[in-house]
Every structure is written in C-alpha cells, then in structure tokens.
N, C-alpha and C. Protein backbone atom coordinates (compact mmCIF):
# COMPACT_ATOMS: atom_id res chain seq x y z
N UNK A 1 -30.47 5.74 77.24
CA UNK A 1 -30.79 6.89 78.13
C UNK A 1 -29.68 7.06 79.13
N UNK A 2 -29.19 8.26 79.49
CA UNK A 2 -28.08 8.29 80.42
C UNK A 2 -28.36 8.14 81.86
N UNK A 3 -27.53 7.36 82.58
CA UNK A 3 -27.76 7.06 83.88
C UNK A 3 -27.24 8.21 84.75
N UNK A 4 -28.21 8.62 85.77
CA UNK A 4 -27.76 9.81 86.61
C UNK A 4 -26.65 9.36 87.67
N UNK A 5 -25.49 10.25 87.89
CA UNK A 5 -24.70 9.76 88.88
C UNK A 5 -24.41 10.97 89.90
N UNK A 6 -24.33 10.77 91.12
CA UNK A 6 -23.87 11.78 92.15
C UNK A 6 -22.72 12.51 91.75
N UNK A 7 -22.66 14.02 92.25
CA UNK A 7 -21.34 14.30 91.97
C UNK A 7 -21.85 15.83 91.40
N UNK A 8 -20.51 16.40 91.00
CA UNK A 8 -20.64 18.07 90.74
C UNK A 8 -20.89 18.98 91.76
N UNK A 9 -21.74 19.86 91.75
CA UNK A 9 -21.97 20.96 92.82
C UNK A 9 -22.84 20.54 93.96
N UNK A 10 -23.39 19.45 93.88
CA UNK A 10 -24.36 18.96 94.59
C UNK A 10 -23.77 18.36 96.12
N UNK A 11 -24.30 18.85 97.36
CA UNK A 11 -23.92 18.63 98.58
C UNK A 11 -24.30 17.16 98.68
N UNK A 12 -25.49 16.69 98.31
CA UNK A 12 -26.09 15.40 98.65
C UNK A 12 -26.64 15.01 97.25
N UNK A 13 -27.16 13.77 97.33
CA UNK A 13 -27.49 13.12 96.02
C UNK A 13 -28.69 12.10 96.64
N UNK A 14 -29.91 12.22 96.03
CA UNK A 14 -30.96 11.39 96.50
C UNK A 14 -31.61 10.81 95.29
N UNK A 15 -31.78 9.44 95.14
CA UNK A 15 -32.45 8.93 94.00
C UNK A 15 -33.93 8.39 94.61
N UNK A 16 -34.94 9.21 94.21
CA UNK A 16 -36.39 8.84 94.82
C UNK A 16 -36.93 7.78 93.80
N UNK A 17 -36.53 7.46 92.84
CA UNK A 17 -36.76 6.43 91.87
C UNK A 17 -38.23 6.84 91.42
N UNK A 18 -39.29 5.79 91.37
CA UNK A 18 -40.44 6.00 90.99
C UNK A 18 -41.72 6.44 92.02
N UNK A 19 -41.12 7.15 93.22
CA UNK A 19 -41.97 7.56 94.38
C UNK A 19 -42.90 8.39 93.82
N UNK A 20 -44.08 8.29 94.24
CA UNK A 20 -45.09 9.19 93.92
C UNK A 20 -45.08 10.48 94.37
N UNK A 21 -45.54 11.46 93.86
CA UNK A 21 -45.44 12.88 94.06
C UNK A 21 -45.77 13.24 95.51
N UNK A 22 -46.68 12.90 95.93
CA UNK A 22 -47.33 13.17 97.37
C UNK A 22 -46.28 12.81 98.41
N UNK A 23 -45.70 11.53 98.36
CA UNK A 23 -44.67 11.01 99.33
C UNK A 23 -43.52 11.75 99.04
N UNK A 24 -42.99 12.02 97.71
CA UNK A 24 -41.89 12.58 97.27
C UNK A 24 -41.63 13.88 97.71
N UNK A 25 -42.83 14.71 97.66
CA UNK A 25 -42.87 16.28 98.25
C UNK A 25 -42.54 16.14 99.72
N UNK A 26 -43.39 15.18 100.35
CA UNK A 26 -43.09 15.27 101.89
C UNK A 26 -41.70 14.83 102.30
N UNK A 27 -41.12 13.95 101.59
CA UNK A 27 -39.62 13.63 101.89
C UNK A 27 -38.77 14.83 101.69
N UNK A 28 -38.89 15.10 100.34
CA UNK A 28 -38.12 16.33 99.87
C UNK A 28 -38.11 17.41 100.70
N UNK A 29 -39.34 17.89 101.26
CA UNK A 29 -39.13 18.94 102.29
C UNK A 29 -38.29 18.71 103.46
N UNK A 30 -38.20 17.43 103.99
CA UNK A 30 -37.59 17.00 105.21
C UNK A 30 -35.94 17.06 104.82
N UNK A 31 -35.71 16.55 103.55
CA UNK A 31 -34.26 16.44 102.93
C UNK A 31 -33.78 17.84 102.93
N UNK A 32 -34.59 18.79 102.28
CA UNK A 32 -33.94 20.10 101.98
C UNK A 32 -33.84 20.75 103.29
N UNK A 33 -34.75 20.71 104.21
CA UNK A 33 -34.71 21.50 105.57
C UNK A 33 -33.56 21.13 106.13
N UNK A 34 -32.99 19.86 106.05
CA UNK A 34 -31.69 19.37 106.75
C UNK A 34 -30.39 19.80 106.28
N UNK A 35 -30.54 20.67 105.11
CA UNK A 35 -29.46 21.20 104.45
C UNK A 35 -29.49 22.46 103.94
N UNK A 36 -29.97 23.43 104.66
CA UNK A 36 -30.06 24.85 104.29
C UNK A 36 -29.02 25.51 103.69
N UNK A 37 -29.24 25.99 102.44
CA UNK A 37 -28.12 26.78 101.37
C UNK A 37 -27.39 25.79 100.54
N UNK A 38 -27.57 24.67 100.78
CA UNK A 38 -26.88 23.51 100.14
C UNK A 38 -27.52 23.06 98.95
N UNK A 39 -26.97 22.34 97.81
CA UNK A 39 -27.49 21.93 96.63
C UNK A 39 -27.74 20.21 96.88
N UNK A 40 -29.12 20.15 96.44
CA UNK A 40 -29.39 18.51 96.45
C UNK A 40 -29.64 18.16 95.03
N UNK A 41 -28.97 17.18 94.69
CA UNK A 41 -29.27 16.39 93.34
C UNK A 41 -30.12 15.26 93.48
N UNK A 42 -31.40 15.66 92.86
CA UNK A 42 -32.49 14.63 93.14
C UNK A 42 -32.72 13.80 91.75
N UNK A 43 -33.00 12.53 91.91
CA UNK A 43 -33.55 11.84 90.69
C UNK A 43 -34.87 11.36 91.13
N UNK A 44 -35.82 11.89 90.10
CA UNK A 44 -37.35 11.52 90.52
C UNK A 44 -37.93 11.08 89.13
N UNK A 45 -38.24 10.01 88.86
CA UNK A 45 -38.67 9.19 87.71
C UNK A 45 -40.39 9.36 87.61
N UNK A 46 -41.10 9.79 88.63
CA UNK A 46 -42.64 9.66 88.53
C UNK A 46 -42.85 10.56 87.35
N UNK A 47 -44.04 10.23 86.83
CA UNK A 47 -44.37 10.99 85.66
C UNK A 47 -44.75 12.52 85.86
N UNK A 48 -45.32 12.73 87.13
CA UNK A 48 -45.76 14.17 87.55
C UNK A 48 -44.46 14.93 88.17
N UNK A 49 -43.31 14.40 88.26
CA UNK A 49 -42.34 15.11 89.11
C UNK A 49 -41.78 16.20 88.20
N UNK A 50 -41.72 16.29 86.80
CA UNK A 50 -41.28 17.38 86.00
C UNK A 50 -42.00 18.62 86.36
N UNK A 51 -43.35 18.25 86.46
CA UNK A 51 -44.14 19.72 86.74
C UNK A 51 -44.47 19.88 88.42
N UNK A 52 -44.21 18.75 89.15
CA UNK A 52 -44.56 19.08 90.53
C UNK A 52 -43.39 19.76 91.27
N UNK A 53 -42.13 19.31 90.91
CA UNK A 53 -40.97 19.74 91.70
C UNK A 53 -40.76 21.32 91.27
N UNK A 54 -40.75 21.59 90.05
CA UNK A 54 -40.56 23.06 89.90
C UNK A 54 -41.80 23.98 90.59
N UNK A 55 -42.88 23.31 90.60
CA UNK A 55 -44.11 24.14 91.32
C UNK A 55 -43.72 24.18 92.84
N UNK A 56 -43.32 22.94 93.58
CA UNK A 56 -42.91 22.85 94.87
C UNK A 56 -41.67 24.06 95.02
N UNK A 57 -40.88 24.07 94.20
CA UNK A 57 -39.61 25.07 94.54
C UNK A 57 -40.26 26.56 94.68
N UNK A 58 -40.97 26.82 93.50
CA UNK A 58 -41.54 28.12 93.63
C UNK A 58 -42.45 28.46 94.72
N UNK A 59 -43.21 27.46 95.27
CA UNK A 59 -44.05 27.87 96.41
C UNK A 59 -43.22 27.80 97.73
N UNK A 60 -42.16 27.20 97.78
CA UNK A 60 -41.54 27.14 99.05
C UNK A 60 -40.06 27.99 99.18
N UNK A 61 -39.79 28.55 97.98
CA UNK A 61 -38.77 29.68 98.00
C UNK A 61 -37.27 28.76 97.86
N UNK A 62 -37.44 27.53 97.56
CA UNK A 62 -36.29 26.84 97.30
C UNK A 62 -35.85 26.90 95.87
N UNK A 63 -34.64 27.00 95.46
CA UNK A 63 -34.40 27.42 93.95
C UNK A 63 -33.98 26.19 93.23
N UNK A 64 -34.76 25.98 92.11
CA UNK A 64 -34.38 24.80 91.29
C UNK A 64 -33.46 25.62 90.24
N UNK A 65 -32.11 24.92 90.34
CA UNK A 65 -31.22 25.39 89.65
C UNK A 65 -31.09 24.84 88.12
N UNK A 66 -31.30 23.55 88.12
CA UNK A 66 -31.28 22.76 86.81
C UNK A 66 -32.13 21.74 86.80
N UNK A 67 -32.70 21.26 85.50
CA UNK A 67 -33.51 20.16 85.41
C UNK A 67 -33.20 19.55 84.14
N UNK A 68 -32.48 18.12 84.10
CA UNK A 68 -32.21 17.42 83.07
C UNK A 68 -33.34 16.36 82.78
N UNK A 69 -34.37 16.70 81.92
CA UNK A 69 -35.59 15.77 81.68
C UNK A 69 -35.02 14.39 81.18
N UNK A 70 -33.91 14.26 80.41
CA UNK A 70 -33.41 13.12 80.06
C UNK A 70 -33.11 11.91 81.00
N UNK A 71 -32.63 12.55 82.17
CA UNK A 71 -32.16 11.72 83.49
C UNK A 71 -33.00 11.75 84.43
N UNK A 72 -34.07 12.59 84.31
CA UNK A 72 -35.06 12.92 85.50
C UNK A 72 -34.37 13.41 86.69
N UNK A 73 -33.36 14.14 86.45
CA UNK A 73 -32.47 14.80 87.51
C UNK A 73 -32.75 16.37 87.77
N UNK A 74 -32.72 16.65 88.97
CA UNK A 74 -33.16 17.89 89.43
C UNK A 74 -32.17 18.44 90.42
N UNK A 75 -31.42 19.81 90.15
CA UNK A 75 -30.69 20.23 91.19
C UNK A 75 -31.48 21.40 92.06
N UNK A 76 -31.53 21.33 93.21
CA UNK A 76 -32.29 22.16 94.02
C UNK A 76 -31.40 22.88 95.27
N UNK A 77 -31.38 24.15 95.25
CA UNK A 77 -30.68 24.98 96.35
C UNK A 77 -31.58 25.14 97.46
N UNK A 78 -31.51 24.53 98.61
CA UNK A 78 -32.28 24.63 99.78
C UNK A 78 -32.35 26.13 100.24
N UNK A 79 -33.38 26.80 100.66
CA UNK A 79 -33.37 28.02 101.17
C UNK A 79 -32.49 27.98 102.52
N UNK A 80 -32.31 29.17 102.87
CA UNK A 80 -31.34 29.29 104.22
C UNK A 80 -32.29 29.53 105.28
N UNK A 81 -33.48 30.08 105.27
CA UNK A 81 -34.41 30.35 106.33
C UNK A 81 -35.48 29.43 106.97
N UNK A 82 -35.00 28.25 106.84
CA UNK A 82 -35.88 27.16 107.45
C UNK A 82 -36.26 27.46 108.80
C-alpha cells in the first residue's frame, strides 16, 4: 500500500491516523477554519472516513478536491467565508 506523503498543491498536511469520525470532524472543522481558501491534505484511516468526510464537505461548503482511497488521503479546500 502506498504511503501518503505531504506535498503537492496542499498548504497543510494532517495525518489524523485512526481517529474516530466524531473527534475527526470536530478537529477538521477547527483546522479548516484556520486556513480559509487553502487546501488541506488529510489522511484519515478510520473506516467511516470515506463516507463521513465527503458528507461533511457537502454540508459545510468546503470543497473536496480529491480522494485517494488506497492511501486514505483527502484534499479539501477550505471555504473562504468562515
């Protein structure tokens, strides 16, 4: 399995590991809020993350740019109007 590495077009990188989605979403909100308009590269290995993170982005108007299931990596553009 490929190992996710920081870089590319992301302004920040966060490896949330196996953090459960409840705690993950709370911390993700705080993280995205601190970087309006910028891209976060997030690694989230929790089993529910593949469904929860896209749903969170839709509900909060943050833009899910890309998801790589094989590395559990998401690229999210934080909305501008926090």
